[in-house]
C-alpha atoms as a PDB file:
ATOM      1  CA  UNK A   1       0.000   0.000   0.000  1.00  0.00           C
ATOM      2  CA  UNK A   2       1.187   3.533  -0.701  1.00  0.00           C
ATOM      3  CA  UNK A   3       3.065   5.102   2.184  1.00  0.00           C
ATOM      4  CA  UNK A   4       1.406   8.214   3.595  1.00  0.00           C
ATOM      5  CA  UNK A   5       4.867   9.454   4.564  1.00  0.00           C
ATOM      6  CA  UNK A   6       5.885   9.364   0.922  1.00  0.00           C
ATOM      7  CA  UNK A   7       2.949  11.577  -0.040  1.00  0.00           C
ATOM      8  CA  UNK A   8       3.720  13.942   2.838  1.00  0.00           C
ATOM      9  CA  UNK A   9       7.374  14.134   1.746  1.00  0.00           C
ATOM     10  CA  UNK A  10       6.424  15.017  -1.825  1.00  0.00           C
ATOM     11  CA  UNK A  11       3.917  17.617  -0.607  1.00  0.00           C
ATOM     12  CA  UNK A  12       6.544  19.000   1.771  1.00  0.00           C
ATOM     13  CA  UNK A  13       9.014  19.454  -1.079  1.00  0.00           C
ATOM     14  CA  UNK A  14       6.422  21.411  -3.034  1.00  0.00           C
ATOM     15  CA  UNK A  15       5.825  23.668  -0.030  1.00  0.00           C
ATOM     16  CA  UNK A  16       9.564  24.253   0.451  1.00  0.00           C
ATOM     17  CA  UNK A  17      10.061  25.103  -3.211  1.00  0.00           C
ATOM     18  CA  UNK A  18       7.035  27.422  -3.152  1.00  0.00           C
ATOM     19  CA  UNK A  19       8.275  29.175  -0.027  1.00  0.00           C
ATOM     20  CA  UNK A  20      11.782  29.554  -1.509  1.00  0.00           C
ATOM     21  CA  UNK A  21      10.430  31.060  -4.735  1.00  0.00           C
ATOM     22  CA  UNK A  22       8.189  33.389  -2.730  1.00  0.00           C
ATOM     23  CA  UNK A  23      11.127  34.651  -0.681  1.00  0.00           C
ATOM     24  CA  UNK A  24      13.235  35.046  -3.825  1.00  0.00           C
ATOM     25  CA  UNK A  25      10.497  37.048  -5.530  1.00  0.00           C
ATOM     26  CA  UNK A  26      10.001  39.292  -2.496  1.00  0.00           C
ATOM     27  CA  UNK A  27      13.756  39.946  -2.321  1.00  0.00           C
ATOM     28  CA  UNK A  28      13.765  40.819  -6.020  1.00  0.00           C
ATOM     29  CA  UNK A  29      10.834  43.212  -5.474  1.00  0.00           C
ATOM     30  CA  UNK A  30      12.618  44.841  -2.563  1.00  0.00           C
ATOM     31  CA  UNK A  31      15.779  45.331  -4.605  1.00  0.00           C
ATOM     32  CA  UNK A  32      13.719  46.724  -7.494  1.00  0.00           C
ATOM     33  CA  UNK A  33      11.901  49.252  -5.322  1.00  0.00           C
ATOM     34  CA  UNK A  34      15.124  50.316  -3.611  1.00  0.00           C
ATOM     35  CA  UNK A  35      17.050  50.795  -6.864  1.00  0.00           C
ATOM     36  CA  UNK A  36      14.170  52.609  -8.543  1.00  0.00           C
ATOM     37  CA  UNK A  37      13.956  55.176  -5.800  1.00  0.00           C
ATOM     38  CA  UNK A  38      10.564  53.927  -4.626  1.00  0.00           C
ATOM     39  CA  UNK A  39       8.809  55.259  -7.741  1.00  0.00           C
ATOM     40  CA  UNK A  40       7.929  51.780  -9.102  1.00  0.00           C
ATOM     41  CA  UNK A  41       7.525  51.300 -12.842  1.00  0.00           C
ATOM     42  CA  UNK A  42       7.865  54.674 -14.545  1.00  0.00           C
ATOM     43  CA  UNK A  43       4.518  55.997 -15.697  1.00  0.00           C
ATOM     44  CA  UNK A  44       2.595  52.883 -14.672  1.00  0.00           C
ATOM     45  CA  UNK A  45      -0.620  53.261 -12.623  1.00  0.00           C
ATOM     46  CA  UNK A  46      -0.482  52.012  -9.028  1.00  0.00           C
ATOM     47  CA  UNK A  47      -2.857  49.099  -9.543  1.00  0.00           C
ATOM     48  CA  UNK A  48      -0.762  47.739 -12.393  1.00  0.00           C
ATOM     49  CA  UNK A  49       2.285  47.749 -10.149  1.00  0.00           C
ATOM     50  CA  UNK A  50       0.387  45.850  -7.447  1.00  0.00           C
ATOM     51  CA  UNK A  51      -0.874  43.238  -9.934  1.00  0.00           C
ATOM     52  CA  UNK A  52       2.611  42.857 -11.407  1.00  0.00           C
ATOM     53  CA  UNK A  53       4.006  42.307  -7.909  1.00  0.00           C
ATOM     54  CA  UNK A  54       1.352  39.811  -6.778  1.00  0.00           C
ATOM     55  CA  UNK A  55       0.759  37.791  -9.956  1.00  0.00           C
ATOM     56  CA  UNK A  56       3.975  35.706  -9.713  1.00  0.00           C
ATOM     57  CA  UNK A  57       3.126  34.858  -6.093  1.00  0.00           C
ATOM     58  CA  UNK A  58      -0.343  33.682  -7.133  1.00  0.00           C
ATOM     59  CA  UNK A  59       1.142  31.540  -9.899  1.00  0.00           C
ATOM     60  CA  UNK A  60       3.743  30.065  -7.539  1.00  0.00           C
ATOM     61  CA  UNK A  61       1.135  28.921  -4.991  1.00  0.00           C
ATOM     62  CA  UNK A  62      -1.235  27.685  -7.662  1.00  0.00           C
ATOM     63  CA  UNK A  63       1.620  25.487  -8.868  1.00  0.00           C
ATOM     64  CA  UNK A  64       2.241  24.288  -5.271  1.00  0.00           C
ATOM     65  CA  UNK A  65      -1.443  23.396  -4.849  1.00  0.00           C
ATOM     66  CA  UNK A  66      -1.470  21.550  -8.180  1.00  0.00           C
ATOM     67  CA  UNK A  67       1.643  19.583  -7.217  1.00  0.00           C
ATOM     68  CA  UNK A  68       0.075  18.551  -3.905  1.00  0.00           C
ATOM     69  CA  UNK A  69      -3.144  17.490  -5.632  1.00  0.00           C
ATOM     70  CA  UNK A  70      -1.142  15.363  -8.097  1.00  0.00           C
ATOM     71  CA  UNK A  71       0.747  13.766  -5.188  1.00  0.00           C
ATOM     72  CA  UNK A  72      -2.537  12.884  -3.466  1.00  0.00           C
ATOM     73  CA  UNK A  73      -3.891  11.317  -6.648  1.00  0.00           C
ATOM     74  CA  UNK A  74      -0.695   9.297  -7.060  1.00  0.00           C
ATOM     75  CA  UNK A  75      -0.929   8.070  -3.462  1.00  0.00           C
ATOM     76  CA  UNK A  76      -4.580   7.022  -3.945  1.00  0.00           C
ATOM     77  CA  UNK A  77      -3.694   5.245  -7.204  1.00  0.00           C
ATOM     78  CA  UNK A  78      -0.897   3.328  -5.470  1.00  0.00           C
ATOM     79  CA  UNK A  79      -3.271   2.356  -2.660  1.00  0.00           C
ATOM     80  CA  UNK A  80      -5.904   1.116  -5.115  1.00  0.00           C
ATOM     81  CA  UNK A  81      -3.263  -0.891  -7.002  1.00  0.00           C
ATOM     82  CA  UNK A  82      -2.193  -2.492  -3.734  1.00  0.00           C
ATOM     83  CA  UNK A  83      -5.816  -3.370  -2.882  1.00  0.00           C
ATOM     84  CA  UNK A  84      -6.321  -4.849  -6.360  1.00  0.00           C
ATOM     85  CA  UNK A  85      -3.152  -6.925  -5.950  1.00  0.00           C
ATOM     86  CA  UNK A  86      -4.417  -8.270  -2.620  1.00  0.00           C
ATOM     87  CA  UNK A  87      -7.783  -9.054  -4.176  1.00  0.00           C
ATOM     88  CA  UNK A  88      -6.040 -10.951  -6.982  1.00  0.00           C
ATOM     89  CA  UNK A  89      -4.134 -13.021  -4.409  1.00  0.00           C
ATOM     90  CA  UNK A  90      -7.376 -13.853  -2.615  1.00  0.00           C
ATOM     91  CA  UNK A  91      -9.010 -14.884  -5.878  1.00  0.00           C
ATOM     92  CA  UNK A  92      -6.059 -17.132  -6.624  1.00  0.00           C
ATOM     93  CA  UNK A  93      -6.564 -18.973  -3.315  1.00  0.00           C
ATOM     94  CA  UNK A  94      -9.781 -18.086  -1.412  1.00  0.00           C
ATOM     95  CA  UNK A  95      -8.591 -20.206   1.533  1.00  0.00           C
ATOM     96  CA  UNK A  96      -6.136 -17.401   2.297  1.00  0.00           C
ATOM     97  CA  UNK A  97      -9.002 -15.004   3.032  1.00  0.00           C
ATOM     98  CA  UNK A  98      -8.906 -12.764   6.071  1.00  0.00           C
ATOM     99  CA  UNK A  99     -10.568 -15.371   8.314  1.00  0.00           C
ATOM    100  CA  UNK A 100      -8.467 -18.558   8.229  1.00  0.00           C
ATOM    101  CA  UNK A 101     -11.334 -20.959   8.826  1.00  0.00           C
ATOM    102  CA  UNK A 102     -11.778 -24.246   7.032  1.00  0.00           C
ATOM    103  CA  UNK A 103     -15.337 -23.988   5.724  1.00  0.00           C
ATOM    104  CA  UNK A 104     -17.034 -27.093   7.049  1.00  0.00           C
ATOM    105  CA  UNK A 105     -20.627 -27.854   6.143  1.00  0.00           C
ATOM    106  CA  UNK A 106     -22.842 -24.798   6.455  1.00  0.00           C
ATOM    107  CA  UNK A 107     -25.455 -25.676   9.076  1.00  0.00           C
ATOM    108  CA  UNK A 108     -27.441 -22.736  10.477  1.00  0.00           C
ATOM    109  CA  UNK A 109     -29.401 -23.413  13.656  1.00  0.00           C
ATOM    110  CA  UNK A 110     -33.195 -23.514  13.770  1.00  0.00           C
ATOM    111  CA  UNK A 111     -33.612 -20.381  15.866  1.00  0.00           C
ATOM    112  CA  UNK A 112     -31.882 -17.089  16.514  1.00  0.00           C
ATOM    113  CA  UNK A 113     -31.351 -17.756  20.207  1.00  0.00           C
ATOM    114  CA  UNK A 114     -29.597 -21.075  19.633  1.00  0.00           C
ATOM    115  CA  UNK A 115     -27.789 -20.152  16.402  1.00  0.00           C
ATOM    116  CA  UNK A 116     -24.427 -21.841  16.083  1.00  0.00           C
ATOM    117  CA  UNK A 117     -21.946 -20.969  13.340  1.00  0.00           C
ATOM    118  CA  UNK A 118     -19.501 -23.699  12.290  1.00  0.00           C
ATOM    119  CA  UNK A 119     -16.097 -23.048  13.848  1.00  0.00           C
ATOM    120  CA  UNK A 120     -12.677 -24.717  13.684  1.00  0.00           C
ATOM    121  CA  UNK A 121     -12.248 -27.697  15.936  1.00  0.00           C
ATOM    122  CA  UNK A 122      -9.195 -28.399  18.106  1.00  0.00           C
ATOM    123  CA  UNK A 123      -6.786 -25.797  16.592  1.00  0.00           C
ATOM    124  CA  UNK A 124      -9.158 -22.951  17.450  1.00  0.00           C
ATOM    125  CA  UNK A 125      -9.614 -24.251  21.003  1.00  0.00           C
ATOM    126  CA  UNK A 126      -5.850 -24.444  21.453  1.00  0.00           C
ATOM    127  CA  UNK A 127      -5.549 -20.882  20.182  1.00  0.00           C
ATOM    128  CA  UNK A 128      -8.223 -19.745  22.648  1.00  0.00           C
ATOM    129  CA  UNK A 129      -6.421 -21.543  25.489  1.00  0.00           C
ATOM    130  CA  UNK A 130      -3.133 -19.871  24.597  1.00  0.00           C
ATOM    131  CA  UNK A 131      -4.834 -16.475  24.415  1.00  0.00           C
ATOM    132  CA  UNK A 132      -6.476 -17.052  27.824  1.00  0.00           C
ATOM    133  CA  UNK A 133      -3.153 -18.090  29.344  1.00  0.00           C
ATOM    134  CA  UNK A 134      -1.435 -15.017  27.930  1.00  0.00           C
ATOM    135  CA  UNK A 135      -4.164 -12.747  29.272  1.00  0.00           C
ATOM    136  CA  UNK A 136      -3.903 -14.255  32.781  1.00  0.00           C
ATOM    137  CA  UNK A 137      -0.094 -14.083  32.901  1.00  0.00           C
ATOM    138  CA  UNK A 138       0.912 -10.921  34.835  1.00  0.00           C
ATOM    139  CA  UNK A 139       4.220 -10.874  32.989  1.00  0.00           C
ATOM    140  CA  UNK A 140       2.469 -10.215  29.699  1.00  0.00           C
ATOM    141  CA  UNK A 141       2.290  -6.602  28.537  1.00  0.00           C
ATOM    142  CA  UNK A 142       0.087  -5.063  25.884  1.00  0.00           C
ATOM    143  CA  UNK A 143       1.702  -4.876  22.470  1.00  0.00           C
ATOM    144  CA  UNK A 144      -1.080  -2.848  20.863  1.00  0.00           C
ATOM    145  CA  UNK A 145      -2.163  -5.807  18.744  1.00  0.00           C
ATOM    146  CA  UNK A 146      -5.797  -5.965  19.877  1.00  0.00           C
ATOM    147  CA  UNK A 147      -8.463  -6.692  17.278  1.00  0.00           C
ATOM    148  CA  UNK A 148      -9.808  -3.560  15.541  1.00  0.00           C
ATOM    149  CA  UNK A 149     -12.851  -2.019  17.119  1.00  0.00           C
ATOM    150  CA  UNK A 150     -16.126  -2.571  15.215  1.00  0.00           C
ATOM    151  CA  UNK A 151     -17.377   0.410  13.224  1.00  0.00           C
ATOM    152  CA  UNK A 152     -20.977   1.587  13.390  1.00  0.00           C
ATOM    153  CA  UNK A 153     -22.294   1.601   9.818  1.00  0.00           C
ATOM    154  CA  UNK A 154     -25.589   2.901   8.508  1.00  0.00           C
ATOM    155  CA  UNK A 155     -27.696   0.188   6.798  1.00  0.00           C
ATOM    156  CA  UNK A 156     -27.566   2.099   3.497  1.00  0.00           C
ATOM    157  CA  UNK A 157     -23.750   1.988   3.637  1.00  0.00           C
ATOM    158  CA  UNK A 158     -23.747  -1.781   4.157  1.00  0.00           C
ATOM    159  CA  UNK A 159     -26.203  -2.355   1.306  1.00  0.00           C
ATOM    160  CA  UNK A 160     -24.189  -0.238  -1.129  1.00  0.00           C
ATOM    161  CA  UNK A 161     -21.014  -2.063  -0.151  1.00  0.00           C
ATOM    162  CA  UNK A 162     -22.678  -5.465  -0.674  1.00  0.00           C
ATOM    163  CA  UNK A 163     -23.553  -4.456  -4.228  1.00  0.00           C
ATOM    164  CA  UNK A 164     -19.996  -3.322  -5.068  1.00  0.00           C
ATOM    165  CA  UNK A 165     -19.359  -0.273  -7.310  1.00  0.00           C
ATOM    166  CA  UNK A 166     -20.834  -0.200 -10.801  1.00  0.00           C
ATOM    167  CA  UNK A 167     -17.623   1.413 -12.054  1.00  0.00           C
ATOM    168  CA  UNK A 168     -15.066   4.145 -11.293  1.00  0.00           C
ATOM    169  CA  UNK A 169     -17.784   6.797 -11.480  1.00  0.00           C
ATOM    170  CA  UNK A 170     -19.935   5.145  -8.794  1.00  0.00           C
ATOM    171  CA  UNK A 171     -18.514   7.356  -6.059  1.00  0.00           C
ATOM    172  CA  UNK A 172     -21.249   6.603  -3.508  1.00  0.00           C
ATOM    173  CA  UNK A 173     -20.635   2.835  -3.712  1.00  0.00           C
ATOM    174  CA  UNK A 174     -16.847   3.297  -3.622  1.00  0.00           C
ATOM    175  CA  UNK A 175     -17.129   5.439  -0.489  1.00  0.00           C
ATOM    176  CA  UNK A 176     -19.498   2.904   1.107  1.00  0.00           C
ATOM    177  CA  UNK A 177     -17.127   0.044   0.262  1.00  0.00           C
ATOM    178  CA  UNK A 178     -14.173   1.816   1.835  1.00  0.00           C
ATOM    179  CA  UNK A 179     -16.212   2.612   4.937  1.00  0.00           C
ATOM    180  CA  UNK A 180     -17.447  -0.989   5.257  1.00  0.00           C
ATOM    181  CA  UNK A 181     -13.922  -2.372   4.921  1.00  0.00           C
ATOM    182  CA  UNK A 182     -13.004  -0.486   8.093  1.00  0.00           C
ATOM    183  CA  UNK A 183     -15.260  -2.833  10.080  1.00  0.00           C
ATOM    184  CA  UNK A 184     -13.700  -6.297  10.620  1.00  0.00           C
ATOM    185  CA  UNK A 185     -16.958  -8.277  10.281  1.00  0.00           C
ATOM    186  CA  UNK A 186     -18.173  -6.502   7.163  1.00  0.00           C
ATOM    187  CA  UNK A 187     -14.681  -6.610   5.655  1.00  0.00           C
ATOM    188  CA  UNK A 188     -14.642 -10.416   5.964  1.00  0.00           C
ATOM    189  CA  UNK A 189     -18.072 -10.682   4.334  1.00  0.00           C
ATOM    190  CA  UNK A 190     -17.222  -8.325   1.463  1.00  0.00           C
ATOM    191  CA  UNK A 191     -13.952 -10.078   0.683  1.00  0.00           C
ATOM    192  CA  UNK A 192     -15.640 -13.470   0.849  1.00  0.00           C
ATOM    193  CA  UNK A 193     -18.417 -12.236  -1.453  1.00  0.00           C
ATOM    194  CA  UNK A 194     -15.801 -10.923  -3.871  1.00  0.00           C
ATOM    195  CA  UNK A 195     -14.106 -14.321  -3.887  1.00  0.00           C
ATOM    196  CA  UNK A 196     -17.255 -16.312  -4.701  1.00  0.00           C
ATOM    197  CA  UNK A 197     -18.445 -13.780  -7.292  1.00  0.00           C
ATOM    198  CA  UNK A 198     -15.077 -14.093  -9.018  1.00  0.00           C
ATOM    199  CA  UNK A 199     -15.159 -17.905  -8.820  1.00  0.00           C
ATOM    200  CA  UNK A 200     -18.675 -17.900 -10.296  1.00  0.00           C
ATOM    201  CA  UNK A 201     -17.542 -15.618 -13.111  1.00  0.00           C
ATOM    202  CA  UNK A 202     -14.717 -18.064 -13.869  1.00  0.00           C
ATOM    203  CA  UNK A 203     -17.460 -20.636 -14.511  1.00  0.00           C
ATOM    204  CA  UNK A 204     -19.522 -18.343 -16.721  1.00  0.00           C
ATOM    205  CA  UNK A 205     -22.019 -17.228 -14.045  1.00  0.00           C
ATOM    206  CA  UNK A 206     -22.282 -13.465 -13.620  1.00  0.00           C
ATOM    207  CA  UNK A 207     -24.350 -11.969 -10.817  1.00  0.00           C
ATOM    208  CA  UNK A 208     -25.602  -9.234 -13.148  1.00  0.00           C
ATOM    209  CA  UNK A 209     -27.313 -11.982 -15.170  1.00  0.00           C
ATOM    210  CA  UNK A 210     -29.083 -13.553 -12.179  1.00  0.00           C
ATOM    211  CA  UNK A 211     -32.834 -12.953 -12.086  1.00  0.00           C
ATOM    212  CA  UNK A 212     -34.413 -13.158  -8.640  1.00  0.00           C
ATOM    213  CA  UNK A 213     -37.653 -11.270  -9.146  1.00  0.00           C
ATOM    214  CA  UNK A 214     -39.314  -9.262  -6.353  1.00  0.00           C
ATOM    215  CA  UNK A 215     -38.036 -10.062  -2.861  1.00  0.00           C
ATOM    216  CA  UNK A 216     -40.332 -11.751  -0.347  1.00  0.00           C
ATOM    217  CA  UNK A 217     -39.806  -9.435   2.629  1.00  0.00           C
ATOM    218  CA  UNK A 218     -41.621 -11.694   5.099  1.00  0.00           C
ATOM    219  CA  UNK A 219     -39.500 -14.687   4.044  1.00  0.00           C
ATOM    220  CA  UNK A 220     -36.298 -12.700   4.501  1.00  0.00           C
ATOM    221  CA  UNK A 221     -37.393 -11.736   8.001  1.00  0.00           C
ATOM    222  CA  UNK A 222     -38.174 -15.370   8.828  1.00  0.00           C
ATOM    223  CA  UNK A 223     -34.764 -16.324   7.485  1.00  0.00           C
ATOM    224  CA  UNK A 224     -33.100 -13.780   9.787  1.00  0.00           C
ATOM    225  CA  UNK A 225     -35.036 -15.293  12.705  1.00  0.00           C
ATOM    226  CA  UNK A 226     -33.458 -18.681  11.999  1.00  0.00           C
ATOM    227  CA  UNK A 227     -36.097 -20.521   9.942  1.00  0.00           C
ATOM    228  CA  UNK A 228     -34.810 -22.711   7.111  1.00  0.00           C
ATOM    229  CA  UNK A 229     -36.082 -25.094   4.465  1.00  0.00           C
ATOM    230  CA  UNK A 230     -39.360 -24.633   2.618  1.00  0.00           C
ATOM    231  CA  UNK A 231     -40.540 -21.991   5.115  1.00  0.00           C
ATOM    232  CA  UNK A 232     -38.051 -19.561   3.583  1.00  0.00           C
ATOM    233  CA  UNK A 233     -37.881 -21.098   0.120  1.00  0.00           C
ATOM    234  CA  UNK A 234     -38.740 -17.803  -1.586  1.00  0.00           C
ATOM    235  CA  UNK A 235     -35.531 -16.266  -0.240  1.00  0.00           C
ATOM    236  CA  UNK A 236     -33.676 -18.490  -2.689  1.00  0.00           C
ATOM    237  CA  UNK A 237     -35.342 -16.756  -5.605  1.00  0.00           C
ATOM    238  CA  UNK A 238     -32.619 -17.600  -8.142  1.00  0.00           C
ATOM    239  CA  UNK A 239     -33.852 -20.793  -9.788  1.00  0.00           C
ATOM    240  CA  UNK A 240     -32.153 -20.857 -13.189  1.00  0.00           C
ATOM    241  CA  UNK A 241     -31.622 -24.616 -13.774  1.00  0.00           C
ATOM    242  CA  UNK A 242     -28.439 -24.257 -15.827  1.00  0.00           C
ATOM    243  CA  UNK A 243     -26.742 -21.958 -13.328  1.00  0.00           C
ATOM    244  CA  UNK A 244     -27.812 -24.168 -10.429  1.00  0.00           C
ATOM    245  CA  UNK A 245     -26.377 -27.219 -12.202  1.00  0.00           C
ATOM    246  CA  UNK A 246     -23.056 -25.431 -12.772  1.00  0.00           C
ATOM    247  CA  UNK A 247     -22.853 -24.225  -9.156  1.00  0.00           C
ATOM    248  CA  UNK A 248     -23.835 -27.631  -7.750  1.00  0.00           C
ATOM    249  CA  UNK A 249     -21.288 -29.467  -9.899  1.00  0.00           C
ATOM    250  CA  UNK A 250     -18.559 -27.013  -8.880  1.00  0.00           C
ATOM    251  CA  UNK A 251     -19.357 -27.493  -5.192  1.00  0.00           C
ATOM    252  CA  UNK A 252     -19.169 -31.271  -5.581  1.00  0.00           C
ATOM    253  CA  UNK A 253     -16.020 -31.394  -7.681  1.00  0.00           C
ATOM    254  CA  UNK A 254     -13.916 -28.412  -6.570  1.00  0.00           C
ATOM    255  CA  UNK A 255     -12.798 -28.308  -2.936  1.00  0.00           C
ATOM    256  CA  UNK A 256     -11.531 -24.724  -3.170  1.00  0.00           C
ATOM    257  CA  UNK A 257     -14.861 -23.561  -4.591  1.00  0.00           C
ATOM    258  CA  UNK A 258     -16.826 -25.516  -1.964  1.00  0.00           C
ATOM    259  CA  UNK A 259     -14.784 -24.090   0.915  1.00  0.00           C
ATOM    260  CA  UNK A 260     -15.170 -20.533  -0.401  1.00  0.00           C
ATOM    261  CA  UNK A 261     -18.937 -20.996  -0.799  1.00  0.00           C
ATOM    262  CA  UNK A 262     -19.519 -22.389   2.708  1.00  0.00           C
ATOM    263  CA  UNK A 263     -17.365 -19.633   4.182  1.00  0.00           C
ATOM    264  CA  UNK A 264     -19.403 -16.998   2.330  1.00  0.00           C
ATOM    265  CA  UNK A 265     -22.758 -18.556   3.279  1.00  0.00           C
ATOM    266  CA  UNK A 266     -21.888 -18.498   6.975  1.00  0.00           C
ATOM    267  CA  UNK A 267     -20.717 -14.891   6.883  1.00  0.00           C
ATOM    268  CA  UNK A 268     -23.743 -13.690   4.899  1.00  0.00           C
ATOM    269  CA  UNK A 269     -26.144 -15.565   7.201  1.00  0.00           C
ATOM    270  CA  UNK A 270     -24.539 -14.004  10.271  1.00  0.00           C
ATOM    271  CA  UNK A 271     -24.559 -10.478   8.806  1.00  0.00           C
ATOM    272  CA  UNK A 272     -28.175 -10.713   7.642  1.00  0.00           C
ATOM    273  CA  UNK A 273     -29.242 -11.852  11.110  1.00  0.00           C
ATOM    274  CA  UNK A 274     -27.652  -8.756  12.649  1.00  0.00           C
ATOM    275  CA  UNK A 275     -28.666  -6.309   9.915  1.00  0.00           C
ATOM    276  CA  UNK A 276     -32.280  -7.335   9.257  1.00  0.00           C
ATOM    277  CA  UNK A 277     -33.901  -5.765  12.366  1.00  0.00           C
ATOM    278  CA  UNK A 278     -32.529  -2.379  11.263  1.00  0.00           C
ATOM    279  CA  UNK A 279     -34.010  -2.567   7.764  1.00  0.00           C
ATOM    280  CA  UNK A 280     -37.377  -1.397   6.547  1.00  0.00           C
ATOM    281  CA  UNK A 281     -39.248  -3.303   3.845  1.00  0.00           C
ATOM    282  CA  UNK A 282     -37.880  -1.121   1.026  1.00  0.00           C
ATOM    283  CA  UNK A 283     -34.337  -1.589   2.294  1.00  0.00           C
ATOM    284  CA  UNK A 284     -34.786  -5.376   2.405  1.00  0.00           C
ATOM    285  CA  UNK A 285     -35.955  -5.304  -1.221  1.00  0.00           C
ATOM    286  CA  UNK A 286     -32.912  -3.195  -2.123  1.00  0.00           C
ATOM    287  CA  UNK A 287     -30.543  -5.473  -0.194  1.00  0.00           C
ATOM    288  CA  UNK A 288     -31.964  -8.561  -1.950  1.00  0.00           C
ATOM    289  CA  UNK A 289     -31.008  -7.019  -5.310  1.00  0.00           C
ATOM    290  CA  UNK A 290     -27.317  -6.582  -4.441  1.00  0.00           C
ATOM    291  CA  UNK A 291     -24.713  -8.741  -6.130  1.00  0.00           C
ATOM    292  CA  UNK A 292     -23.757 -10.356  -2.819  1.00  0.00           C
ATOM    293  CA  UNK A 293     -27.375 -11.305  -2.065  1.00  0.00           C
ATOM    294  CA  UNK A 294     -27.901 -12.712  -5.568  1.00  0.00           C
ATOM    295  CA  UNK A 295     -24.785 -14.853  -5.179  1.00  0.00           C
ATOM    296  CA  UNK A 296     -26.114 -16.022  -1.802  1.00  0.00           C
ATOM    297  CA  UNK A 297     -29.508 -16.965  -3.278  1.00  0.00           C
ATOM    298  CA  UNK A 298     -27.899 -19.068  -5.998  1.00  0.00           C
ATOM    299  CA  UNK A 299     -25.289 -20.767  -3.831  1.00  0.00           C
ATOM    300  CA  UNK A 300     -27.590 -21.373  -0.851  1.00  0.00           C
ATOM    301  CA  UNK A 301     -30.140 -23.037  -3.126  1.00  0.00           C
ATOM    302  CA  UNK A 302     -27.399 -25.116  -4.745  1.00  0.00           C
ATOM    303  CA  UNK A 303     -26.249 -26.134  -1.256  1.00  0.00           C
ATOM    304  CA  UNK A 304     -29.777 -27.258  -0.344  1.00  0.00           C
ATOM    305  CA  UNK A 305     -30.383 -24.568   2.263  1.00  0.00           C
ATOM    306  CA  UNK A 306     -33.958 -24.100   1.026  1.00  0.00           C
ATOM    307  CA  UNK A 307     -34.870 -27.763   0.857  1.00  0.00           C
ATOM    308  CA  UNK A 308     -34.956 -29.744  -2.367  1.00  0.00           C
ATOM    309  CA  UNK A 309     -33.795 -27.877  -5.462  1.00  0.00           C
ATOM    310  CA  UNK A 310     -36.744 -27.394  -7.747  1.00  0.00           C
END
């Protein structure tokens, strides 16, 4: 990622050069006025002399501002290139996503109060035990490596981030995506969604081509409450037989694809459960039209989350 110090150094050089040229120009003006006897330009009106004295200073600081703006754009471009490179690495191996969990079978619980998300087995428990031992050891000191604090996000920001930007001109979605990536939970979901959308595209399935029809708001709310199977069958509104066959075959024959899908399904399920109580009916309809939700509908139906595939 681009170093902020590099951008500050380039901007600092522009300021130093601007200040040096300003001082040089002021010294030249002083010498001119002293050698001319204080009369200024012979025969020239006073306002012309003032403009002639100030115009170079204006041009100098306009150039400084332009140089700083160019430096900021370069720093943003370097940051975006770094993010794209990281995204390419994740697409190459989705198992190296931000949450190093082996995606076991996706099995949501029957109710919200008893919901259990699949977790790693013994390795995770050993990690927890080590963390507990470190926390209880008085010799341990804080190294400033605590997990990032969660970020409060407006529902509209989350929905825009789940849809991903339409292009470089979709500034609202880009801003929402950057804001959502600041929150650890939403960052994991967005990166996982990006992985499965890319893997689907590699198999000729594009989320923009998925047709889900109008969302069943009541079914989505039941889904968030923990109901599964035929009771929430209309949530899985993507029923294209060819796409379902491709997704099902990929899940059966490709371990990397299957792991990425189960990981994404768990994260989406968990996020929807938390987000749904904050959404009105119109926002649920909007959320169900996002690219992440469309990918969830297809993959959850292929995984049998809504009962038998029709």
